[in-house]
C-alpha atoms as a PDB file:
ATOM      1  CA  MET A   1       2.564 -55.593 -20.691  1.00  0.00           C
ATOM      2  CA  GLN A   2       2.182 -51.655 -20.319  1.00  0.00           C
ATOM      3  CA  ALA A   3       3.868 -50.481 -16.853  1.00  0.00           C
ATOM      4  CA  VAL A   4       1.425 -47.753 -15.428  1.00  0.00           C
ATOM      5  CA  ALA A   5       3.134 -45.538 -12.889  1.00  0.00           C
ATOM      6  CA  GLU A   6       1.074 -43.934 -10.438  1.00  0.00           C
ATOM      7  CA  ASN A   7       1.335 -40.461  -9.283  1.00  0.00           C
ATOM      8  CA  ASP A   8       4.139 -39.997  -6.761  1.00  0.00           C
ATOM      9  CA  ARG A   9       3.010 -38.295  -3.375  1.00  0.00           C
ATOM     10  CA  MET A  10       5.761 -35.202  -4.632  1.00  0.00           C
ATOM     11  CA  GLY A  11       3.567 -34.525  -7.751  1.00  0.00           C
ATOM     12  CA  GLY A  12       5.360 -36.984  -9.805  1.00  0.00           C
ATOM     13  CA  ALA A  13       4.065 -37.508 -13.339  1.00  0.00           C
ATOM     14  CA  LYS A  14       2.176 -40.699 -14.752  1.00  0.00           C
ATOM     15  CA  ALA A  15       4.025 -42.679 -17.491  1.00  0.00           C
ATOM     16  CA  SER A  16       2.319 -44.621 -19.297  1.00  0.00           C
ATOM     17  CA  ASP A  17       4.734 -46.795 -20.583  1.00  0.00           C
ATOM     18  CA  GLY A  18       9.173 -46.616 -19.956  1.00  0.00           C
ATOM     19  CA  ALA A  19       9.325 -44.567 -23.527  1.00  0.00           C
ATOM     20  CA  GLY A  20       9.537 -41.030 -22.980  1.00  0.00           C
ATOM     21  CA  ALA A  21       9.239 -41.051 -19.354  1.00  0.00           C
ATOM     22  CA  GLU A  22      10.658 -37.949 -17.461  1.00  0.00           C
ATOM     23  CA  SER A  23      13.858 -38.400 -15.874  1.00  0.00           C
ATOM     24  CA  SER A  24      13.189 -37.766 -11.621  1.00  0.00           C
ATOM     25  CA  GLU A  25      15.308 -34.638 -11.612  1.00  0.00           C
ATOM     26  CA  GLU A  26      12.552 -32.933 -14.017  1.00  0.00           C
ATOM     27  CA  ASN A  27       9.942 -34.535 -11.983  1.00  0.00           C
ATOM     28  CA  ALA A  28      11.319 -33.714  -8.377  1.00  0.00           C
ATOM     29  CA  VAL A  29      10.052 -30.893  -6.432  1.00  0.00           C
ATOM     30  CA  ASP A  30      11.554 -27.807  -6.011  1.00  0.00           C
ATOM     31  CA  ARG A  31      12.591 -25.701  -3.057  1.00  0.00           C
ATOM     32  CA  GLU A  32       9.880 -23.355  -3.056  1.00  0.00           C
ATOM     33  CA  THR A  33       7.339 -26.203  -3.183  1.00  0.00           C
ATOM     34  CA  LEU A  34       8.694 -28.489  -0.579  1.00  0.00           C
ATOM     35  CA  GLY A  35       8.949 -25.271   1.616  1.00  0.00           C
ATOM     36  CA  ARG A  36       5.928 -24.059   1.256  1.00  0.00           C
ATOM     37  CA  ALA A  37       4.889 -27.790   2.051  1.00  0.00           C
ATOM     38  CA  THR A  38       6.707 -27.923   5.131  1.00  0.00           C
ATOM     39  CA  TRP A  39       5.504 -24.843   6.682  1.00  0.00           C
ATOM     40  CA  THR A  40       1.988 -25.765   6.278  1.00  0.00           C
ATOM     41  CA  PHE A  41       2.740 -29.359   8.137  1.00  0.00           C
ATOM     42  CA  LEU A  42       4.662 -28.070  10.909  1.00  0.00           C
ATOM     43  CA  HIS A  43       2.356 -25.023  11.053  1.00  0.00           C
ATOM     44  CA  THR A  44      -0.208 -27.414  11.289  1.00  0.00           C
ATOM     45  CA  LEU A  45       1.379 -29.779  13.193  1.00  0.00           C
ATOM     46  CA  ALA A  46       1.782 -26.700  16.428  1.00  0.00           C
ATOM     47  CA  ALA A  47      -1.905 -25.891  15.747  1.00  0.00           C
ATOM     48  CA  ALA A  48      -3.506 -29.002  16.455  1.00  0.00           C
ATOM     49  CA  TYR A  49      -0.183 -29.356  19.521  1.00  0.00           C
ATOM     50  CA  PRO A  50      -2.402 -29.947  22.748  1.00  0.00           C
ATOM     51  CA  GLU A  51      -2.929 -26.784  25.223  1.00  0.00           C
ATOM     52  CA  ARG A  52      -1.276 -28.823  28.221  1.00  0.00           C
ATOM     53  CA  PRO A  53       0.482 -31.383  26.619  1.00  0.00           C
ATOM     54  CA  SER A  54       2.112 -34.604  28.713  1.00  0.00           C
ATOM     55  CA  VAL A  55       5.850 -34.250  29.649  1.00  0.00           C
ATOM     56  CA  GLU A  56       6.136 -37.341  26.841  1.00  0.00           C
ATOM     57  CA  ARG A  57       4.129 -35.473  23.974  1.00  0.00           C
ATOM     58  CA  GLN A  58       7.105 -32.216  24.983  1.00  0.00           C
ATOM     59  CA  ARG A  59       9.737 -35.272  24.849  1.00  0.00           C
ATOM     60  CA  LYS A  60       8.723 -36.401  21.613  1.00  0.00           C
ATOM     61  CA  THR A  61       7.786 -33.256  19.959  1.00  0.00           C
ATOM     62  CA  SER A  62      11.171 -31.687  20.772  1.00  0.00           C
ATOM     63  CA  LEU A  63      12.876 -35.251  19.001  1.00  0.00           C
ATOM     64  CA  PHE A  64      10.839 -34.971  16.048  1.00  0.00           C
ATOM     65  CA  MET A  65      11.820 -31.478  15.518  1.00  0.00           C
ATOM     66  CA  THR A  66      15.389 -32.310  16.631  1.00  0.00           C
ATOM     67  CA  LEU A  67      15.000 -35.369  13.379  1.00  0.00           C
ATOM     68  CA  PHE A  68      12.870 -33.768  11.618  1.00  0.00           C
ATOM     69  CA  ALA A  69      15.631 -31.126  10.681  1.00  0.00           C
ATOM     70  CA  GLU A  70      18.472 -33.438  10.228  1.00  0.00           C
ATOM     71  CA  LEU A  71      16.469 -35.680   7.839  1.00  0.00           C
ATOM     72  CA  TYR A  72      15.069 -32.815   5.261  1.00  0.00           C
ATOM     73  CA  PRO A  73      15.809 -33.614   1.905  1.00  0.00           C
ATOM     74  CA  CYS A  74      17.228 -30.467   0.892  1.00  0.00           C
ATOM     75  CA  GLU A  75      20.898 -30.883   3.046  1.00  0.00           C
ATOM     76  CA  THR A  76      21.466 -26.689   2.426  1.00  0.00           C
ATOM     77  CA  CYS A  77      18.137 -26.078   4.202  1.00  0.00           C
ATOM     78  CA  ALA A  78      18.932 -29.403   6.393  1.00  0.00           C
ATOM     79  CA  ASP A  79      21.863 -27.719   7.911  1.00  0.00           C
ATOM     80  CA  GLY A  80      20.157 -24.501   8.454  1.00  0.00           C
ATOM     81  CA  PHE A  81      17.217 -25.223  10.150  1.00  0.00           C
ATOM     82  CA  GLN A  82      19.332 -27.574  12.619  1.00  0.00           C
ATOM     83  CA  GLU A  83      21.079 -24.994  13.402  1.00  0.00           C
ATOM     84  CA  ILE A  84      17.983 -22.988  14.148  1.00  0.00           C
ATOM     85  CA  VAL A  85      16.591 -25.595  16.449  1.00  0.00           C
ATOM     86  CA  ALA A  86      20.101 -25.793  18.358  1.00  0.00           C
ATOM     87  CA  ASN A  87      20.496 -22.252  18.810  1.00  0.00           C
ATOM     88  CA  HIS A  88      15.924 -21.866  19.699  1.00  0.00           C
ATOM     89  CA  PRO A  89      15.169 -25.061  21.223  1.00  0.00           C
ATOM     90  CA  PRO A  90      11.831 -26.221  20.501  1.00  0.00           C
ATOM     91  CA  ARG A  91       9.477 -24.098  23.262  1.00  0.00           C
ATOM     92  CA  THR A  92       6.401 -27.370  23.564  1.00  0.00           C
ATOM     93  CA  GLN A  93       5.080 -26.880  26.815  1.00  0.00           C
ATOM     94  CA  SER A  94       1.820 -25.360  25.572  1.00  0.00           C
ATOM     95  CA  ASN A  95      -0.519 -24.768  22.484  1.00  0.00           C
ATOM     96  CA  ALA A  96       0.784 -21.237  22.258  1.00  0.00           C
ATOM     97  CA  ALA A  97       4.631 -21.601  23.133  1.00  0.00           C
ATOM     98  CA  PHE A  98       4.857 -24.265  20.476  1.00  0.00           C
ATOM     99  CA  ALA A  99       2.779 -22.300  17.989  1.00  0.00           C
ATOM    100  CA  ARG A 100       5.116 -19.152  18.841  1.00  0.00           C
ATOM    101  CA  TRP A 101       8.517 -21.073  18.136  1.00  0.00           C
ATOM    102  CA  MET A 102       6.932 -22.186  15.423  1.00  0.00           C
ATOM    103  CA  CYS A 103       5.715 -19.049  14.074  1.00  0.00           C
ATOM    104  CA  GLU A 104       9.582 -17.312  14.868  1.00  0.00           C
ATOM    105  CA  VAL A 105      12.082 -19.882  13.389  1.00  0.00           C
ATOM    106  CA  HIS A 106       9.623 -19.815  10.436  1.00  0.00           C
ATOM    107  CA  ASN A 107      10.405 -16.029  10.347  1.00  0.00           C
ATOM    108  CA  GLU A 108      14.302 -16.622  11.476  1.00  0.00           C
ATOM    109  CA  VAL A 109      14.544 -18.986   7.888  1.00  0.00           C
ATOM    110  CA  ASN A 110      12.737 -16.262   5.961  1.00  0.00           C
ATOM    111  CA  VAL A 111      14.991 -13.766   7.057  1.00  0.00           C
ATOM    112  CA  SER A 112      17.731 -15.918   6.533  1.00  0.00           C
ATOM    113  CA  ILE A 113      16.463 -16.324   2.715  1.00  0.00           C
ATOM    114  CA  GLY A 114      15.228 -12.545   2.030  1.00  0.00           C
ATOM    115  CA  LYS A 115      11.699 -13.349   2.326  1.00  0.00           C
ATOM    116  CA  PRO A 116       9.624 -11.088   4.845  1.00  0.00           C
ATOM    117  CA  VAL A 117       8.932 -11.976   8.209  1.00  0.00           C
ATOM    118  CA  TYR A 118       4.882 -12.740  10.061  1.00  0.00           C
ATOM    119  CA  ASP A 119       3.578 -11.289  12.580  1.00  0.00           C
ATOM    120  CA  CYS A 120       3.560 -13.901  14.936  1.00  0.00           C
ATOM    121  CA  SER A 121       0.351 -12.408  17.095  1.00  0.00           C
ATOM    122  CA  ARG A 122      -1.281 -13.251  14.372  1.00  0.00           C
ATOM    123  CA  ALA A 123      -0.247 -16.511  13.384  1.00  0.00           C
ATOM    124  CA  SER A 124      -3.973 -18.477  14.852  1.00  0.00           C
ATOM    125  CA  GLU A 125      -5.566 -16.422  12.232  1.00  0.00           C
ATOM    126  CA  ARG A 126      -3.521 -17.745   9.370  1.00  0.00           C
ATOM    127  CA  TRP A 127      -3.054 -21.105  10.890  1.00  0.00           C
ATOM    128  CA  GLY A 128      -6.378 -21.851  13.079  1.00  0.00           C
ATOM    129  CA  THR A 129      -6.435 -24.595  15.319  1.00  0.00           C
ATOM    130  CA  CYS A 130      -6.728 -27.106  13.253  1.00  0.00           C
ATOM    131  CA  GLU A 131     -10.606 -27.678  13.961  1.00  0.00           C
ATOM    132  CA  SER A 132     -10.276 -30.790  11.515  1.00  0.00           C
ATOM    133  CA  CYS A 133      -7.957 -32.335  13.629  1.00  0.00           C
ATOM    134  CA  LYS A 134      -9.161 -32.137  16.722  1.00  0.00           C
ATOM    135  CA  GLY A 135     -10.605 -35.728  18.175  1.00  0.00           C
ATOM    136  CA  HIS A 136      -7.900 -37.614  16.661  1.00  0.00           C
ATOM    137  CA  GLU A 137      -6.161 -38.453  19.882  1.00  0.00           C
ATOM    138  CA  LYS A 138      -7.168 -42.072  19.467  1.00  0.00           C
ATOM    139  CA  GLU A 139      -5.714 -42.299  16.742  1.00  0.00           C
ATOM    140  CA  LEU A 140      -2.846 -41.199  17.533  1.00  0.00           C
ATOM    141  CA  ASP A 141      -3.083 -43.134  20.472  1.00  0.00           C
ATOM    142  CA  ASP A 142      -3.609 -46.529  18.049  1.00  0.00           C
ATOM    143  CA  PHE A 143      -1.192 -45.788  16.437  1.00  0.00           C
ATOM    144  CA  LEU A 144       1.520 -45.244  19.199  1.00  0.00           C
ATOM    145  CA  SER A 145       0.280 -48.712  20.597  1.00  0.00           C
ATOM    146  CA  ILE A 146       0.366 -50.317  16.786  1.00  0.00           C
ATOM    147  CA  ALA A 147       4.357 -48.796  16.605  1.00  0.00           C
ATOM    148  CA  ASN A 148       4.869 -50.578  19.720  1.00  0.00           C
ATOM    149  CA  LEU A 149       6.309 -46.423  20.990  1.00  0.00           C
ATOM    150  CA  PRO A 150       6.161 -45.059  24.144  1.00  0.00           C
ATOM    151  CA  GLY A 151       2.997 -43.277  25.069  1.00  0.00           C
ATOM    152  CA  GLY A 152       0.349 -45.568  22.927  1.00  0.00           C
ATOM    153  CA  ALA A 153      -2.508 -47.610  25.561  1.00  0.00           C
ATOM    154  CA  LYS A 154      -0.854 -50.389  25.608  1.00  0.00           C
ATOM    155  CA  SER A 155       2.328 -49.362  26.190  1.00  0.00           C
ATOM    156  CA  LYS A 156       0.457 -47.360  29.524  1.00  0.00           C
ATOM    157  CA  LYS A 157      -0.809 -51.595  30.870  1.00  0.00           C
END
């Protein structure tokens, strides 16, 4: 019987059988690729953030950023990002505040690794408002309900 491994989400290679399969280290995502994907996700998260989030959404977003920094798969990167988040807590009171905070912490990371900084006044030109993300509040609410997390429709009853 021939085993077939599907591409993993991080870009791992397919193997038709065990013979000749590359090691997990050879398939590992490098720090640059992981960083680009991370910042794309985080800036998109900020672009889709509500203009007037509830207090609960603000709390969850701050908690998410703290946990994200702690759980980040690159230990060196995680240590640095944890320090940045501790020194500059997420500003979650509005879309503009969160998007600006995200740009500023991204710039702080860039400075620490010798990369150029981005003009945060132009962040919306780069990341937009995630138009494809708009209108998915019901899906988020459904997910929170299924996961039995505070904030979902079922928990509001």
